[in-house]
Amino acid sequence: MNRFAARLAQENVVLRRACTEILQVNVGKLCNLTCVHCHVNAGPKRKEVMTRETIDRIVDWLATTQIPIVDLTGGAPEMIPDFRYFIERARELQPSRHVIDRCNLTRRGF
């Protein structure tokens, strides 16, 4: 038994998985900023962005779940070419999903 499992047993703690409530999706590393603290090293020169094919695969899988919230993150999610498409596809699902955009609030006109 590993130390973590042993400690849980010692404390008489049983971990149980709950229903997944949020699907967080990192859509890429493209961002309008280059922040020193950025944990993904995103920036305006980064070219890694999620493709429409990948978005379709994610949304098709999401449709088979009851996950109510989709949390888009990345660099700046609203900078990927298919940002609106991703949101529209997720919102079309039944039941409709709540979509969160983790933006940096510095970009206009997306």
C-alpha atoms as a PDB file:
ATOM      1  CA  MET A   1       0.000   0.000   0.000  1.00  0.00           C
ATOM      2  CA  ASN A   2       1.384   3.460  -0.813  1.00  0.00           C
ATOM      3  CA  ARG A   3       1.858   6.068   1.914  1.00  0.00           C
ATOM      4  CA  PHE A   4      -1.142   8.119   0.843  1.00  0.00           C
ATOM      5  CA  ALA A   5      -3.464   5.114   0.955  1.00  0.00           C
ATOM      6  CA  ALA A   6      -1.950   4.055   4.287  1.00  0.00           C
ATOM      7  CA  ARG A   7      -2.542   7.496   5.753  1.00  0.00           C
ATOM      8  CA  LEU A   8      -6.155   7.498   4.558  1.00  0.00           C
ATOM      9  CA  ALA A   9      -6.660   4.114   6.182  1.00  0.00           C
ATOM     10  CA  GLN A  10      -4.972   5.318   9.384  1.00  0.00           C
ATOM     11  CA  GLU A  11      -7.321   8.308   9.544  1.00  0.00           C
ATOM     12  CA  ASN A  12     -10.301   6.145   8.589  1.00  0.00           C
ATOM     13  CA  VAL A  13     -10.965   8.303   5.510  1.00  0.00           C
ATOM     14  CA  VAL A  14     -12.629   6.941   2.385  1.00  0.00           C
ATOM     15  CA  LEU A  15     -12.433   9.022  -0.793  1.00  0.00           C
ATOM     16  CA  ARG A  16     -15.341   8.796  -3.183  1.00  0.00           C
ATOM     17  CA  ARG A  17     -15.615  10.283  -6.595  1.00  0.00           C
ATOM     18  CA  ALA A  18     -18.471  12.744  -7.071  1.00  0.00           C
ATOM     19  CA  CYS A  19     -20.177  13.696 -10.306  1.00  0.00           C
ATOM     20  CA  THR A  20     -18.072  15.847 -12.577  1.00  0.00           C
ATOM     21  CA  GLU A  21     -19.415  19.386 -12.557  1.00  0.00           C
ATOM     22  CA  ILE A  22     -16.929  21.275 -14.730  1.00  0.00           C
ATOM     23  CA  LEU A  23     -15.038  20.381 -17.894  1.00  0.00           C
ATOM     24  CA  GLN A  24     -12.062  22.727 -18.195  1.00  0.00           C
ATOM     25  CA  VAL A  25     -10.650  22.945 -21.714  1.00  0.00           C
ATOM     26  CA  ASN A  26      -7.348  24.619 -22.552  1.00  0.00           C
ATOM     27  CA  VAL A  27      -7.859  25.828 -26.126  1.00  0.00           C
ATOM     28  CA  GLY A  28      -4.284  26.909 -26.801  1.00  0.00           C
ATOM     29  CA  LYS A  29      -1.428  29.235 -25.997  1.00  0.00           C
ATOM     30  CA  LEU A  30      -2.294  32.237 -28.161  1.00  0.00           C
ATOM     31  CA  CYS A  31      -2.734  35.384 -26.059  1.00  0.00           C
ATOM     32  CA  ASN A  32      -2.506  39.123 -26.575  1.00  0.00           C
ATOM     33  CA  LEU A  33      -0.311  39.435 -23.453  1.00  0.00           C
ATOM     34  CA  THR A  34       3.021  37.986 -22.332  1.00  0.00           C
ATOM     35  CA  CYS A  35       2.747  37.803 -18.562  1.00  0.00           C
ATOM     36  CA  VAL A  36       5.740  36.652 -16.539  1.00  0.00           C
ATOM     37  CA  HIS A  37       3.425  34.711 -14.223  1.00  0.00           C
ATOM     38  CA  CYS A  38       1.648  32.803 -17.025  1.00  0.00           C
ATOM     39  CA  HIS A  39       1.765  29.100 -16.208  1.00  0.00           C
ATOM     40  CA  VAL A  40       1.363  28.057 -19.875  1.00  0.00           C
ATOM     41  CA  ASN A  41       3.817  30.625 -21.282  1.00  0.00           C
ATOM     42  CA  ALA A  42       1.122  32.010 -23.590  1.00  0.00           C
ATOM     43  CA  GLY A  43       1.701  35.023 -25.822  1.00  0.00           C
ATOM     44  CA  PRO A  44       0.959  36.744 -29.138  1.00  0.00           C
ATOM     45  CA  LYS A  45       3.642  34.778 -31.000  1.00  0.00           C
ATOM     46  CA  ARG A  46       2.362  31.369 -29.893  1.00  0.00           C
ATOM     47  CA  LYS A  47       0.679  29.409 -32.672  1.00  0.00           C
ATOM     48  CA  GLU A  48      -0.839  26.507 -30.698  1.00  0.00           C
ATOM     49  CA  VAL A  49      -4.632  26.757 -30.970  1.00  0.00           C
ATOM     50  CA  MET A  50      -7.336  24.125 -30.836  1.00  0.00           C
ATOM     51  CA  THR A  51      -8.674  23.031 -34.212  1.00  0.00           C
ATOM     52  CA  ARG A  52     -12.341  22.820 -35.148  1.00  0.00           C
ATOM     53  CA  GLU A  53     -11.962  19.046 -35.449  1.00  0.00           C
ATOM     54  CA  THR A  54     -10.812  18.847 -31.827  1.00  0.00           C
ATOM     55  CA  ILE A  55     -13.632  21.140 -30.714  1.00  0.00           C
ATOM     56  CA  ASP A  56     -16.127  18.857 -32.467  1.00  0.00           C
ATOM     57  CA  ARG A  57     -14.655  15.789 -30.748  1.00  0.00           C
ATOM     58  CA  ILE A  58     -14.859  17.472 -27.343  1.00  0.00           C
ATOM     59  CA  VAL A  59     -18.438  18.663 -27.825  1.00  0.00           C
ATOM     60  CA  ASP A  60     -19.524  15.286 -29.204  1.00  0.00           C
ATOM     61  CA  TRP A  61     -18.071  13.618 -26.099  1.00  0.00           C
ATOM     62  CA  LEU A  62     -19.592  16.288 -23.832  1.00  0.00           C
ATOM     63  CA  ALA A  63     -23.005  15.463 -25.307  1.00  0.00           C
ATOM     64  CA  THR A  64     -22.705  11.968 -23.808  1.00  0.00           C
ATOM     65  CA  THR A  65     -22.262  13.407 -20.301  1.00  0.00           C
ATOM     66  CA  GLN A  66     -24.263  15.433 -17.828  1.00  0.00           C
ATOM     67  CA  ILE A  67     -21.411  17.887 -17.164  1.00  0.00           C
ATOM     68  CA  PRO A  68     -23.194  21.256 -16.824  1.00  0.00           C
ATOM     69  CA  ILE A  69     -20.267  23.693 -17.083  1.00  0.00           C
ATOM     70  CA  VAL A  70     -17.589  24.154 -19.757  1.00  0.00           C
ATOM     71  CA  ASP A  71     -14.684  26.324 -18.622  1.00  0.00           C
ATOM     72  CA  LEU A  72     -12.581  27.637 -21.527  1.00  0.00           C
ATOM     73  CA  THR A  73      -9.040  28.619 -20.693  1.00  0.00           C
ATOM     74  CA  GLY A  74      -5.735  28.810 -22.476  1.00  0.00           C
ATOM     75  CA  GLY A  75      -3.866  31.773 -23.394  1.00  0.00           C
ATOM     76  CA  ALA A  76      -6.817  33.998 -24.303  1.00  0.00           C
ATOM     77  CA  PRO A  77      -9.622  31.633 -25.427  1.00  0.00           C
ATOM     78  CA  GLU A  78     -11.448  34.340 -27.366  1.00  0.00           C
ATOM     79  CA  MET A  79      -8.446  34.661 -29.713  1.00  0.00           C
ATOM     80  CA  ILE A  80      -8.768  31.204 -31.258  1.00  0.00           C
ATOM     81  CA  PRO A  81     -10.492  31.294 -34.676  1.00  0.00           C
ATOM     82  CA  ASP A  82     -13.294  28.946 -33.602  1.00  0.00           C
ATOM     83  CA  PHE A  83     -14.057  30.526 -30.222  1.00  0.00           C
ATOM     84  CA  ARG A  84     -17.675  31.444 -31.070  1.00  0.00           C
ATOM     85  CA  TYR A  85     -18.162  28.097 -32.787  1.00  0.00           C
ATOM     86  CA  PHE A  86     -17.084  26.249 -29.620  1.00  0.00           C
ATOM     87  CA  ILE A  87     -19.515  28.236 -27.478  1.00  0.00           C
ATOM     88  CA  GLU A  88     -22.390  27.819 -29.937  1.00  0.00           C
ATOM     89  CA  ARG A  89     -21.868  24.055 -30.185  1.00  0.00           C
ATOM     90  CA  ALA A  90     -21.735  23.687 -26.396  1.00  0.00           C
ATOM     91  CA  ARG A  91     -24.842  25.821 -25.899  1.00  0.00           C
ATOM     92  CA  GLU A  92     -26.784  23.779 -28.505  1.00  0.00           C
ATOM     93  CA  LEU A  93     -26.499  20.650 -26.379  1.00  0.00           C
ATOM     94  CA  GLN A  94     -29.504  19.451 -24.428  1.00  0.00           C
ATOM     95  CA  PRO A  95     -29.452  20.348 -21.687  1.00  0.00           C
ATOM     96  CA  SER A  96     -27.614  23.517 -22.619  1.00  0.00           C
ATOM     97  CA  ARG A  97     -24.231  23.943 -20.972  1.00  0.00           C
ATOM     98  CA  HIS A  98     -23.040  27.021 -19.105  1.00  0.00           C
ATOM     99  CA  VAL A  99     -19.825  28.265 -20.744  1.00  0.00           C
ATOM    100  CA  ILE A 100     -17.165  30.211 -18.865  1.00  0.00           C
ATOM    101  CA  ASP A 101     -14.467  32.159 -20.746  1.00  0.00           C
ATOM    102  CA  ARG A 102     -11.356  32.703 -18.629  1.00  0.00           C
ATOM    103  CA  CYS A 103     -10.273  35.828 -20.459  1.00  0.00           C
ATOM    104  CA  ASN A 104      -7.767  38.450 -19.322  1.00  0.00           C
ATOM    105  CA  LEU A 105     -10.258  41.319 -19.868  1.00  0.00           C
ATOM    106  CA  THR A 106      -7.844  43.354 -21.992  1.00  0.00           C
ATOM    107  CA  ARG A 107      -8.996  42.384 -25.471  1.00  0.00           C
ATOM    108  CA  ARG A 108     -11.773  44.113 -27.392  1.00  0.00           C
ATOM    109  CA  GLY A 109     -13.815  43.182 -30.425  1.00  0.00           C
ATOM    110  CA  PHE A 110     -13.812  39.432 -30.560  1.00  0.00           C
END
